[in-house]
Amino acid sequence: MYTAAVEDYLKVVYELTREEGRATTTGIADRLGVAPASVSGMFKKLVEMRLIEHTPYQGVVLTSAGQKIALEVIRHHRLVELYLAEALGIPWDKVHAEANRLEHAISSDVADRMAAALGNPLSDPHGAPIPDKDGAIAPVASRRLSDLQPGDVGRVAEVIDEDAALLRSLASIGLFPNVTVQVLERDTGSGELMLRIGEGDHAVSSREASRIFVHEPERKN
């Protein structure tokens, strides 16, 4: 058994490595809302526990043992998110914070039962893949909406769920996982994108677009 703090750090290392390319002291401190000195202290403990490898000034990576723990916590988190959304009707901008509180409280057996009750789902409400009980996880989309050019058409794969305000904003324009978007224009200065979503045209900021992953785009003729 590991403490909730250890599990939180390992989960954040996994997520930041995927989202930002690496997990740094500053990035982890910002995500967890703690001081950089606290992160450095936890790094030492996690290295001693052989759960991470730390290269000064380069950040940390998970060991195989650390990744196994991270994926188990992520499985709990994403199953809880989906259960709250599907069974209780809680909006997608609220389930992440609730799941952060509940992910440590459920056992693996409860997580398995929850998955069965939900029909063994493949993804959470934000499109992120749910690891299976053995820790296997489906490949994730790597292309960001912010990378698309005018004329590109992409299908939303996943929206990073840390920012509830962003999720509410995207919901207001109908931008959810599996929705197809077409890039109409790009502002060369700000990076803002004008998107066609269904029958409507909507502007999305560069920051918002960078938080959205899409399946490989197709060039629309």
Protein backbone atom coordinates (compact mmCIF):
# COMPACT_ATOMS: atom_id res chain seq x y z
CA MET A 1 0.00 0.00 0.00
CA TYR A 2 1.18 3.50 -0.81
CA THR A 3 0.07 6.81 0.63
CA ALA A 4 -2.31 9.05 -1.26
CA ALA A 5 0.52 11.57 -1.64
CA VAL A 6 2.77 9.02 -3.34
CA GLU A 7 -0.04 7.98 -5.66
CA ASP A 8 -0.83 11.62 -6.49
CA TYR A 9 2.78 12.33 -7.45
CA LEU A 10 3.05 9.26 -9.65
CA LYS A 11 -0.23 10.04 -11.38
CA VAL A 12 0.86 13.62 -12.06
CA VAL A 13 4.24 12.49 -13.41
CA TYR A 14 2.43 10.18 -15.83
CA GLU A 15 -0.03 12.87 -16.93
CA LEU A 16 2.53 15.65 -17.36
CA THR A 17 4.85 13.39 -19.32
CA ARG A 18 2.02 12.75 -21.74
CA GLU A 19 0.68 16.31 -21.85
CA GLU A 20 3.89 18.35 -21.75
CA GLY A 21 6.58 15.90 -22.83
CA ARG A 22 8.24 15.82 -19.40
CA ALA A 23 7.45 16.15 -15.71
CA THR A 24 9.48 18.89 -14.03
CA THR A 25 9.61 20.18 -10.48
CA THR A 26 7.79 23.35 -11.48
CA GLY A 27 5.14 21.51 -13.48
CA ILE A 28 4.39 19.09 -10.65
CA ALA A 29 4.33 21.89 -8.07
CA ASP A 30 1.84 23.85 -10.17
CA ARG A 31 -0.39 20.84 -10.79
CA LEU A 32 -0.46 19.76 -7.14
CA GLY A 33 -0.49 23.26 -5.64
CA VAL A 34 2.59 22.68 -3.49
CA ALA A 35 5.96 24.39 -3.09
CA PRO A 36 8.85 23.31 -5.35
CA ALA A 37 10.82 22.40 -2.22
CA SER A 38 8.12 19.89 -1.30
CA VAL A 39 8.36 18.35 -4.76
CA SER A 40 12.15 18.02 -4.44
CA GLY A 41 11.72 16.28 -1.10
CA MET A 42 9.20 13.84 -2.53
CA PHE A 43 11.49 13.14 -5.47
CA LYS A 44 14.12 11.87 -3.06
CA LYS A 45 11.62 9.53 -1.41
CA LEU A 46 10.30 8.23 -4.72
CA VAL A 47 13.82 7.59 -6.01
CA GLU A 48 14.60 5.63 -2.84
CA MET A 49 11.39 3.65 -3.37
CA ARG A 50 12.51 3.00 -6.96
CA LEU A 51 9.32 4.48 -8.36
CA ILE A 52 10.93 7.28 -10.38
CA GLU A 53 14.25 8.17 -11.94
CA HIS A 54 15.37 11.78 -11.50
CA THR A 55 17.80 13.67 -13.70
CA PRO A 56 18.64 17.13 -12.30
CA TYR A 57 17.23 19.97 -14.44
CA GLN A 58 15.57 17.43 -16.74
CA GLY A 59 12.67 16.24 -14.59
CA VAL A 60 11.61 12.73 -13.67
CA VAL A 61 10.37 9.58 -15.38
CA LEU A 62 8.48 6.67 -13.91
CA THR A 63 10.09 3.30 -13.41
CA SER A 64 8.04 0.26 -14.45
CA ALA A 65 6.91 -0.11 -10.82
CA GLY A 66 5.96 3.56 -10.65
CA GLN A 67 4.03 3.38 -13.89
CA LYS A 68 2.07 0.37 -12.68
CA ILE A 69 0.93 2.29 -9.61
CA ALA A 70 0.15 5.41 -11.63
CA LEU A 71 -2.01 3.48 -14.08
CA GLU A 72 -3.96 1.83 -11.26
CA VAL A 73 -4.74 5.24 -9.74
CA ILE A 74 -5.65 6.61 -13.16
CA ARG A 75 -7.96 3.63 -13.72
CA HIS A 76 -9.77 4.41 -10.46
CA HIS A 77 -9.93 8.11 -11.26
CA ARG A 78 -11.35 7.74 -14.75
CA LEU A 79 -13.85 5.07 -13.75
CA VAL A 80 -15.08 7.30 -10.94
CA GLU A 81 -15.39 10.21 -13.38
CA LEU A 82 -17.45 8.13 -15.77
CA TYR A 83 -19.63 6.68 -13.01
CA LEU A 84 -20.37 10.15 -11.66
CA ALA A 85 -21.24 11.38 -15.15
CA GLU A 86 -23.22 8.36 -16.37
CA ALA A 87 -24.93 7.15 -13.21
CA LEU A 88 -25.36 10.42 -11.32
CA GLY A 89 -25.56 12.93 -14.16
CA ILE A 90 -22.79 15.16 -12.81
CA PRO A 91 -21.50 17.57 -15.52
CA TRP A 92 -18.14 16.81 -17.12
CA ASP A 93 -16.57 19.95 -15.63
CA LYS A 94 -17.26 18.76 -12.07
CA VAL A 95 -16.35 15.07 -12.11
CA HIS A 96 -12.56 15.58 -12.14
CA ALA A 97 -12.41 17.30 -8.75
CA GLU A 98 -14.73 14.70 -7.22
CA ALA A 99 -12.68 11.85 -8.66
CA ASN A 100 -9.50 13.34 -7.18
CA ARG A 101 -11.07 12.89 -3.75
CA LEU A 102 -12.48 9.41 -4.37
CA GLU A 103 -9.74 7.70 -6.40
CA HIS A 104 -7.79 6.69 -3.28
CA ALA A 105 -10.84 5.50 -1.40
CA ILE A 106 -11.95 2.64 -3.65
CA SER A 107 -10.29 -0.75 -3.84
CA SER A 108 -9.28 -2.54 -7.00
CA ASP A 109 -12.22 -4.88 -6.51
CA VAL A 110 -14.65 -1.96 -6.36
CA ALA A 111 -13.02 -0.45 -9.46
CA ASP A 112 -13.49 -3.74 -11.31
CA ARG A 113 -17.15 -3.92 -10.27
CA MET A 114 -17.64 -0.31 -11.31
CA ALA A 115 -16.12 -1.07 -14.72
CA ALA A 116 -18.42 -4.07 -15.16
CA ALA A 117 -21.47 -2.02 -14.18
CA LEU A 118 -20.50 0.59 -16.79
CA GLY A 119 -20.04 -2.04 -19.50
CA ASN A 120 -16.21 -2.10 -19.34
CA PRO A 121 -15.82 1.36 -20.89
CA LEU A 122 -12.76 2.34 -22.92
CA SER A 123 -12.68 6.06 -22.09
CA ASP A 124 -13.77 8.61 -19.50
CA PRO A 125 -16.09 11.61 -20.08
CA HIS A 126 -13.19 13.68 -21.40
CA GLY A 127 -12.08 11.03 -23.90
CA ALA A 128 -9.05 9.80 -21.94
CA PRO A 129 -8.50 6.02 -22.20
CA ILE A 130 -9.22 3.95 -19.10
CA PRO A 131 -6.50 1.41 -18.25
CA ASP A 132 -7.76 -2.15 -17.88
CA LYS A 133 -7.38 -4.20 -14.71
CA ASP A 134 -3.98 -5.45 -15.90
CA GLY A 135 -2.64 -1.94 -16.47
CA ALA A 136 -2.86 -2.01 -20.26
CA ILE A 137 -3.96 1.29 -21.77
CA ALA A 138 -5.01 2.12 -25.31
CA PRO A 139 -2.81 4.39 -27.43
CA VAL A 140 -3.67 8.05 -27.04
CA ALA A 141 -3.93 10.77 -29.66
CA SER A 142 -0.81 12.92 -29.87
CA ARG A 143 -1.93 15.66 -32.27
CA ARG A 144 -3.24 18.83 -30.65
CA LEU A 145 -6.02 20.93 -32.11
CA SER A 146 -3.61 23.87 -31.98
CA ASP A 147 -1.41 22.07 -34.56
CA LEU A 148 -4.13 21.97 -37.21
CA GLN A 149 -4.12 24.33 -40.17
CA PRO A 150 -6.98 25.96 -42.09
CA GLY A 151 -8.72 23.27 -44.13
CA ASP A 152 -7.89 20.47 -41.69
CA VAL A 153 -10.71 18.37 -40.29
CA GLY A 154 -10.17 16.42 -37.08
CA ARG A 155 -12.22 14.42 -34.62
CA VAL A 156 -11.81 15.32 -30.97
CA ALA A 157 -10.13 12.50 -29.09
CA GLU A 158 -9.56 13.94 -25.63
CA VAL A 159 -9.81 17.16 -23.65
CA ILE A 160 -7.39 17.63 -20.75
CA ASP A 161 -9.65 17.84 -17.72
CA GLU A 162 -7.69 19.96 -15.22
CA ASP A 163 -9.45 23.25 -16.06
CA ALA A 164 -13.15 23.23 -15.20
CA ALA A 165 -13.71 26.66 -16.75
CA LEU A 166 -12.26 25.42 -20.03
CA LEU A 167 -14.56 22.41 -20.00
CA ARG A 168 -17.59 24.64 -19.44
CA SER A 169 -16.50 26.90 -22.28
CA LEU A 170 -16.06 24.00 -24.68
CA ALA A 171 -19.38 22.48 -23.66
CA SER A 172 -21.11 25.77 -24.49
CA ILE A 173 -20.01 25.45 -28.13
CA GLY A 174 -20.66 21.71 -28.37
CA LEU A 175 -17.02 20.62 -28.42
CA PHE A 176 -16.83 17.16 -26.85
CA PRO A 177 -14.93 13.94 -27.55
CA ASN A 178 -15.87 12.35 -30.89
CA VAL A 179 -17.14 15.66 -32.30
CA THR A 180 -15.70 16.55 -35.71
CA VAL A 181 -14.28 20.05 -36.17
CA GLN A 182 -13.03 21.88 -39.24
CA VAL A 183 -10.43 24.65 -38.98
CA LEU A 184 -11.62 27.63 -41.00
CA GLU A 185 -9.07 30.27 -40.08
CA ARG A 186 -6.01 30.80 -37.89
CA ASP A 187 -4.96 34.18 -36.51
CA THR A 188 -1.24 34.31 -37.21
CA GLY A 189 -0.66 36.63 -34.28
CA SER A 190 -2.65 35.12 -31.42
CA GLY A 191 -3.00 31.58 -32.76
CA GLU A 192 -6.76 31.76 -32.26
CA LEU A 193 -8.66 29.26 -34.40
CA MET A 194 -12.03 29.71 -36.03
CA LEU A 195 -13.72 26.32 -36.02
CA ARG A 196 -16.82 24.90 -37.64
CA ILE A 197 -18.60 22.63 -35.21
CA GLY A 198 -21.77 21.20 -36.62
CA GLU A 199 -23.63 24.11 -38.21
CA GLY A 200 -21.94 26.83 -36.16
CA ASP A 201 -18.64 28.70 -36.29
CA HIS A 202 -16.78 29.34 -33.05
CA ALA A 203 -13.49 30.91 -32.01
CA VAL A 204 -11.12 28.92 -29.77
CA SER A 205 -8.03 30.50 -28.23
CA SER A 206 -4.56 29.08 -28.76
CA ARG A 207 -4.43 27.97 -25.12
CA GLU A 208 -7.79 26.22 -25.36
CA ALA A 209 -6.79 24.50 -28.59
CA SER A 210 -3.55 23.25 -27.03
CA ARG A 211 -5.55 21.39 -24.37
CA ILE A 212 -7.49 19.38 -26.95
CA PHE A 213 -6.13 16.27 -28.66
CA VAL A 214 -7.55 15.16 -31.99
CA HIS A 215 -7.32 12.10 -34.17
CA GLU A 216 -5.11 12.63 -37.20
CA PRO A 217 -6.79 15.28 -39.34
CA GLU A 218 -8.02 14.89 -42.85
CA ARG A 219 -7.66 17.61 -45.47
CA LYS A 220 -11.15 18.75 -46.43
CA ASN A 221 -11.47 19.59 -50.14
